[in-house]
Amino acid sequence: MVSLFNLLVRAGYRLVYRAALVWWFIRRPHTAGSVVAIWSGGRVLLVRTSYRPHYSLPGGFTRSSETPAAGAARELHEELGLRIDPDALKPVWQGIKHFEFRRDSITILELPLDEPMAIPANQRELVWTGWMTVDEALAVPLLPHIRDYLETRPRGPS
C-alpha cells in the first residue's frame, strides 16, 4: 500500500518531469548523465521511476563539477541508499542520444556484485527495482541508451 504522502511526492515528480520536457523542447539543451549497471550472476539491476514508463539503470544527471563516476556514486546513494567508492565503478559505454528534446551524453559504468541484494523501491521517485537477465531486460521498455548498451554487451554471467 502506497501512502498518501508518497502519492503526492510521485505527483510532484511527474509535474516537474513534464515541466522539464517543455523546457527541453524550448531550449534543446545538451545534458550529461551517468548510470550504473549493477551486475550479479548474469542479471542486471533495473529501476523504474514514477514519472516515466521506461526501465533504466540507477543514476541521473551529472553535475558540472563531477566526473561520471562521482555523479553515478552520488546518484546510487540518493536513489538506492548505496554508498559506493567512485573508483569501484568501471566505465564501459559512452554515447550521445537525442532523447526528450535534448542531446544527452551518457556514461554507463559497471559494478559487479558477488550476490544480488534486495534493493527496495522508495515508492516516491522509484516505483520498481529488480534483477533481470539481458534477454528479459530487452523485452521491456528501456531508455534508448540502456537498450544500446545491453544489445552490444556480451551475454553471460558478470
C-alpha atoms as a PDB file:
ATOM      1  CA  MET A   1       0.000   0.000   0.000  1.00  0.00           C
ATOM      2  CA  VAL A   2       1.435   3.342  -1.057  1.00  0.00           C
ATOM      3  CA  SER A   3       0.966   6.170   1.436  1.00  0.00           C
ATOM      4  CA  LEU A   4      -0.815   9.385   0.541  1.00  0.00           C
ATOM      5  CA  PHE A   5       2.449  11.263   1.101  1.00  0.00           C
ATOM      6  CA  ASN A   6       4.278   9.046  -1.398  1.00  0.00           C
ATOM      7  CA  LEU A   7       1.457   9.505  -3.924  1.00  0.00           C
ATOM      8  CA  LEU A   8       1.802  13.284  -3.560  1.00  0.00           C
ATOM      9  CA  VAL A   9       5.576  13.077  -3.995  1.00  0.00           C
ATOM     10  CA  ARG A  10       5.054  10.962  -7.138  1.00  0.00           C
ATOM     11  CA  ALA A  11       2.659  13.577  -8.492  1.00  0.00           C
ATOM     12  CA  GLY A  12       5.326  16.207  -7.832  1.00  0.00           C
ATOM     13  CA  TYR A  13       7.929  14.185  -9.750  1.00  0.00           C
ATOM     14  CA  ARG A  14       5.525  13.818 -12.703  1.00  0.00           C
ATOM     15  CA  LEU A  15       4.770  17.553 -12.677  1.00  0.00           C
ATOM     16  CA  VAL A  16       8.460  18.520 -12.573  1.00  0.00           C
ATOM     17  CA  TYR A  17       9.271  15.984 -15.308  1.00  0.00           C
ATOM     18  CA  ARG A  18       6.552  17.371 -17.592  1.00  0.00           C
ATOM     19  CA  ALA A  19       7.770  20.920 -16.965  1.00  0.00           C
ATOM     20  CA  ALA A  20      11.313  19.777 -17.802  1.00  0.00           C
ATOM     21  CA  LEU A  21      10.062  18.273 -21.075  1.00  0.00           C
ATOM     22  CA  VAL A  22       8.554  21.635 -22.039  1.00  0.00           C
ATOM     23  CA  TRP A  23      11.780  23.443 -21.083  1.00  0.00           C
ATOM     24  CA  TRP A  24      13.883  20.951 -23.045  1.00  0.00           C
ATOM     25  CA  PHE A  25      11.573  21.358 -26.050  1.00  0.00           C
ATOM     26  CA  ILE A  26      12.157  25.114 -25.982  1.00  0.00           C
ATOM     27  CA  ARG A  27      15.892  25.097 -25.137  1.00  0.00           C
ATOM     28  CA  ARG A  28      17.104  21.839 -26.782  1.00  0.00           C
ATOM     29  CA  PRO A  29      19.925  21.553 -24.215  1.00  0.00           C
ATOM     30  CA  HIS A  30      22.953  19.300 -24.095  1.00  0.00           C
ATOM     31  CA  THR A  31      22.801  17.320 -20.847  1.00  0.00           C
ATOM     32  CA  ALA A  32      25.205  14.855 -19.257  1.00  0.00           C
ATOM     33  CA  GLY A  33      24.401  11.893 -17.082  1.00  0.00           C
ATOM     34  CA  SER A  34      25.835   8.707 -15.701  1.00  0.00           C
ATOM     35  CA  VAL A  35      24.134   5.463 -14.761  1.00  0.00           C
ATOM     36  CA  VAL A  36      25.360   2.238 -13.183  1.00  0.00           C
ATOM     37  CA  ALA A  37      24.827  -1.287 -14.419  1.00  0.00           C
ATOM     38  CA  ILE A  38      24.998  -3.334 -11.227  1.00  0.00           C
ATOM     39  CA  TRP A  39      25.569  -6.969 -12.254  1.00  0.00           C
ATOM     40  CA  SER A  40      25.283 -10.171 -10.253  1.00  0.00           C
ATOM     41  CA  GLY A  41      25.076 -13.700 -11.604  1.00  0.00           C
ATOM     42  CA  GLY A  42      24.274 -12.602 -15.157  1.00  0.00           C
ATOM     43  CA  ARG A  43      21.473 -10.280 -14.028  1.00  0.00           C
ATOM     44  CA  VAL A  44      21.424  -6.503 -14.024  1.00  0.00           C
ATOM     45  CA  LEU A  45      19.563  -4.281 -11.570  1.00  0.00           C
ATOM     46  CA  LEU A  46      16.924  -2.191 -13.344  1.00  0.00           C
ATOM     47  CA  VAL A  47      14.751   0.553 -11.903  1.00  0.00           C
ATOM     48  CA  ARG A  48      11.555   2.275 -12.998  1.00  0.00           C
ATOM     49  CA  THR A  49      10.676   5.797 -11.955  1.00  0.00           C
ATOM     50  CA  SER A  50       7.270   7.172 -11.068  1.00  0.00           C
ATOM     51  CA  TYR A  51       7.355   9.657 -13.950  1.00  0.00           C
ATOM     52  CA  ARG A  52       8.485   7.539 -16.946  1.00  0.00           C
ATOM     53  CA  PRO A  53       7.153   4.273 -18.381  1.00  0.00           C
ATOM     54  CA  HIS A  54      10.689   3.074 -19.227  1.00  0.00           C
ATOM     55  CA  TYR A  55      13.035   0.895 -17.234  1.00  0.00           C
ATOM     56  CA  SER A  56      16.531   2.205 -16.660  1.00  0.00           C
ATOM     57  CA  LEU A  57      19.679   1.786 -14.640  1.00  0.00           C
ATOM     58  CA  PRO A  58      20.084   3.749 -11.418  1.00  0.00           C
ATOM     59  CA  GLY A  59      21.728   7.114 -11.977  1.00  0.00           C
ATOM     60  CA  GLY A  60      20.959  10.536 -13.341  1.00  0.00           C
ATOM     61  CA  PHE A  61      22.324  13.896 -14.344  1.00  0.00           C
ATOM     62  CA  THR A  62      25.974  14.611 -13.617  1.00  0.00           C
ATOM     63  CA  ARG A  63      26.820  17.960 -12.073  1.00  0.00           C
ATOM     64  CA  SER A  64      29.335  20.113 -13.948  1.00  0.00           C
ATOM     65  CA  SER A  65      31.856  19.686 -11.114  1.00  0.00           C
ATOM     66  CA  GLU A  66      31.580  15.870 -11.093  1.00  0.00           C
ATOM     67  CA  THR A  67      33.253  13.095 -13.000  1.00  0.00           C
ATOM     68  CA  PRO A  68      30.845  10.482 -14.398  1.00  0.00           C
ATOM     69  CA  ALA A  69      31.921   8.052 -11.643  1.00  0.00           C
ATOM     70  CA  ALA A  70      31.415  10.628  -8.875  1.00  0.00           C
ATOM     71  CA  GLY A  71      27.991  11.568 -10.241  1.00  0.00           C
ATOM     72  CA  ALA A  72      26.997   7.921 -10.534  1.00  0.00           C
ATOM     73  CA  ALA A  73      28.147   7.190  -6.973  1.00  0.00           C
ATOM     74  CA  ARG A  74      26.148  10.186  -5.692  1.00  0.00           C
ATOM     75  CA  GLU A  75      23.046   9.044  -7.594  1.00  0.00           C
ATOM     76  CA  LEU A  76      23.388   5.472  -6.232  1.00  0.00           C
ATOM     77  CA  HIS A  77      23.347   6.907  -2.739  1.00  0.00           C
ATOM     78  CA  GLU A  78      20.414   9.260  -3.433  1.00  0.00           C
ATOM     79  CA  GLU A  79      18.264   6.686  -5.253  1.00  0.00           C
ATOM     80  CA  LEU A  80      19.175   3.389  -3.605  1.00  0.00           C
ATOM     81  CA  GLY A  81      20.934   4.284  -0.366  1.00  0.00           C
ATOM     82  CA  LEU A  82      24.142   2.567  -1.565  1.00  0.00           C
ATOM     83  CA  ARG A  83      27.485   4.126  -0.711  1.00  0.00           C
ATOM     84  CA  ILE A  84      29.963   3.142  -3.411  1.00  0.00           C
ATOM     85  CA  ASP A  85      33.501   4.410  -3.913  1.00  0.00           C
ATOM     86  CA  PRO A  86      33.578   6.035  -7.377  1.00  0.00           C
ATOM     87  CA  ASP A  87      36.831   4.152  -8.061  1.00  0.00           C
ATOM     88  CA  ALA A  88      34.864   0.874  -7.868  1.00  0.00           C
ATOM     89  CA  LEU A  89      32.825   1.907 -10.933  1.00  0.00           C
ATOM     90  CA  LYS A  90      34.248   0.915 -14.314  1.00  0.00           C
ATOM     91  CA  PRO A  91      33.176   2.975 -17.363  1.00  0.00           C
ATOM     92  CA  VAL A  92      32.005   0.617 -20.122  1.00  0.00           C
ATOM     93  CA  TRP A  93      29.801   2.601 -22.513  1.00  0.00           C
ATOM     94  CA  GLN A  94      29.536   6.196 -23.584  1.00  0.00           C
ATOM     95  CA  GLY A  95      27.315   7.797 -26.160  1.00  0.00           C
ATOM     96  CA  ILE A  96      25.093  10.682 -27.145  1.00  0.00           C
ATOM     97  CA  LYS A  97      21.387  10.206 -27.684  1.00  0.00           C
ATOM     98  CA  HIS A  98      18.844  12.724 -28.883  1.00  0.00           C
ATOM     99  CA  PHE A  99      16.119  11.989 -26.379  1.00  0.00           C
ATOM    100  CA  GLU A 100      13.317  14.013 -24.809  1.00  0.00           C
ATOM    101  CA  PHE A 101      14.213  17.100 -26.891  1.00  0.00           C
ATOM    102  CA  ARG A 102      17.784  17.179 -25.592  1.00  0.00           C
ATOM    103  CA  ARG A 103      21.199  15.967 -26.641  1.00  0.00           C
ATOM    104  CA  ASP A 104      22.022  13.591 -23.804  1.00  0.00           C
ATOM    105  CA  SER A 105      25.629  12.478 -23.203  1.00  0.00           C
ATOM    106  CA  ILE A 106      25.523   9.301 -21.155  1.00  0.00           C
ATOM    107  CA  THR A 107      28.249   7.321 -19.442  1.00  0.00           C
ATOM    108  CA  ILE A 108      27.395   3.813 -18.267  1.00  0.00           C
ATOM    109  CA  LEU A 109      29.568   2.357 -15.535  1.00  0.00           C
ATOM    110  CA  GLU A 110      29.515  -1.194 -14.223  1.00  0.00           C
ATOM    111  CA  LEU A 111      29.634  -2.532 -10.690  1.00  0.00           C
ATOM    112  CA  PRO A 112      29.855  -6.311 -10.192  1.00  0.00           C
ATOM    113  CA  LEU A 113      28.385  -7.842  -7.037  1.00  0.00           C
ATOM    114  CA  ASP A 114      29.041 -11.364  -5.763  1.00  0.00           C
ATOM    115  CA  GLU A 115      25.433 -11.742  -4.625  1.00  0.00           C
ATOM    116  CA  PRO A 116      22.333  -9.829  -5.717  1.00  0.00           C
ATOM    117  CA  MET A 117      20.949  -7.711  -2.921  1.00  0.00           C
ATOM    118  CA  ALA A 118      17.353  -6.780  -2.244  1.00  0.00           C
ATOM    119  CA  ILE A 119      17.017  -3.108  -3.062  1.00  0.00           C
ATOM    120  CA  PRO A 120      13.501  -1.882  -2.371  1.00  0.00           C
ATOM    121  CA  ALA A 121      11.961   0.937  -4.388  1.00  0.00           C
ATOM    122  CA  ASN A 122      11.335   4.024  -2.262  1.00  0.00           C
ATOM    123  CA  GLN A 123       7.811   4.336  -3.780  1.00  0.00           C
ATOM    124  CA  ARG A 124       8.475   8.004  -4.474  1.00  0.00           C
ATOM    125  CA  GLU A 125      10.922   8.526  -7.323  1.00  0.00           C
ATOM    126  CA  LEU A 126      11.453   4.792  -7.812  1.00  0.00           C
ATOM    127  CA  VAL A 127       8.387   2.580  -8.019  1.00  0.00           C
ATOM    128  CA  TRP A 128      10.126  -0.654  -9.014  1.00  0.00           C
ATOM    129  CA  THR A 129      13.555  -2.274  -8.716  1.00  0.00           C
ATOM    130  CA  GLY A 130      14.506  -5.759  -9.831  1.00  0.00           C
ATOM    131  CA  TRP A 131      17.116  -8.030 -11.342  1.00  0.00           C
ATOM    132  CA  MET A 132      16.800  -9.145 -14.981  1.00  0.00           C
ATOM    133  CA  THR A 133      18.840 -11.078 -17.485  1.00  0.00           C
ATOM    134  CA  VAL A 134      19.822  -9.202 -20.641  1.00  0.00           C
ATOM    135  CA  ASP A 135      17.116 -11.003 -22.625  1.00  0.00           C
ATOM    136  CA  GLU A 136      14.464 -10.185 -20.005  1.00  0.00           C
ATOM    137  CA  ALA A 137      15.572  -6.549 -19.973  1.00  0.00           C
ATOM    138  CA  LEU A 138      15.468  -6.274 -23.761  1.00  0.00           C
ATOM    139  CA  ALA A 139      11.834  -7.442 -23.653  1.00  0.00           C
ATOM    140  CA  VAL A 140      10.658  -4.429 -21.583  1.00  0.00           C
ATOM    141  CA  PRO A 141      10.550  -0.716 -22.498  1.00  0.00           C
ATOM    142  CA  LEU A 142      14.066   0.642 -21.889  1.00  0.00           C
ATOM    143  CA  LEU A 143      15.586   4.077 -22.233  1.00  0.00           C
ATOM    144  CA  PRO A 144      17.408   4.214 -25.589  1.00  0.00           C
ATOM    145  CA  HIS A 145      20.948   4.324 -24.200  1.00  0.00           C
ATOM    146  CA  ILE A 146      20.261   1.385 -21.881  1.00  0.00           C
ATOM    147  CA  ARG A 147      18.944  -0.652 -24.821  1.00  0.00           C
ATOM    148  CA  ASP A 148      22.041   0.186 -26.912  1.00  0.00           C
ATOM    149  CA  TYR A 149      24.350  -0.817 -24.054  1.00  0.00           C
ATOM    150  CA  LEU A 150      22.574  -4.116 -23.396  1.00  0.00           C
ATOM    151  CA  GLU A 151      22.348  -5.010 -27.102  1.00  0.00           C
ATOM    152  CA  THR A 152      26.102  -4.570 -27.537  1.00  0.00           C
ATOM    153  CA  ARG A 153      27.136  -6.187 -24.241  1.00  0.00           C
ATOM    154  CA  PRO A 154      28.352  -9.789 -24.381  1.00  0.00           C
ATOM    155  CA  ARG A 155      25.847 -12.258 -22.896  1.00  0.00           C
ATOM    156  CA  GLY A 156      26.780 -14.397 -19.938  1.00  0.00           C
ATOM    157  CA  PRO A 157      27.468 -14.050 -16.224  1.00  0.00           C
ATOM    158  CA  SER A 158      29.110 -10.947 -14.849  1.00  0.00           C
END
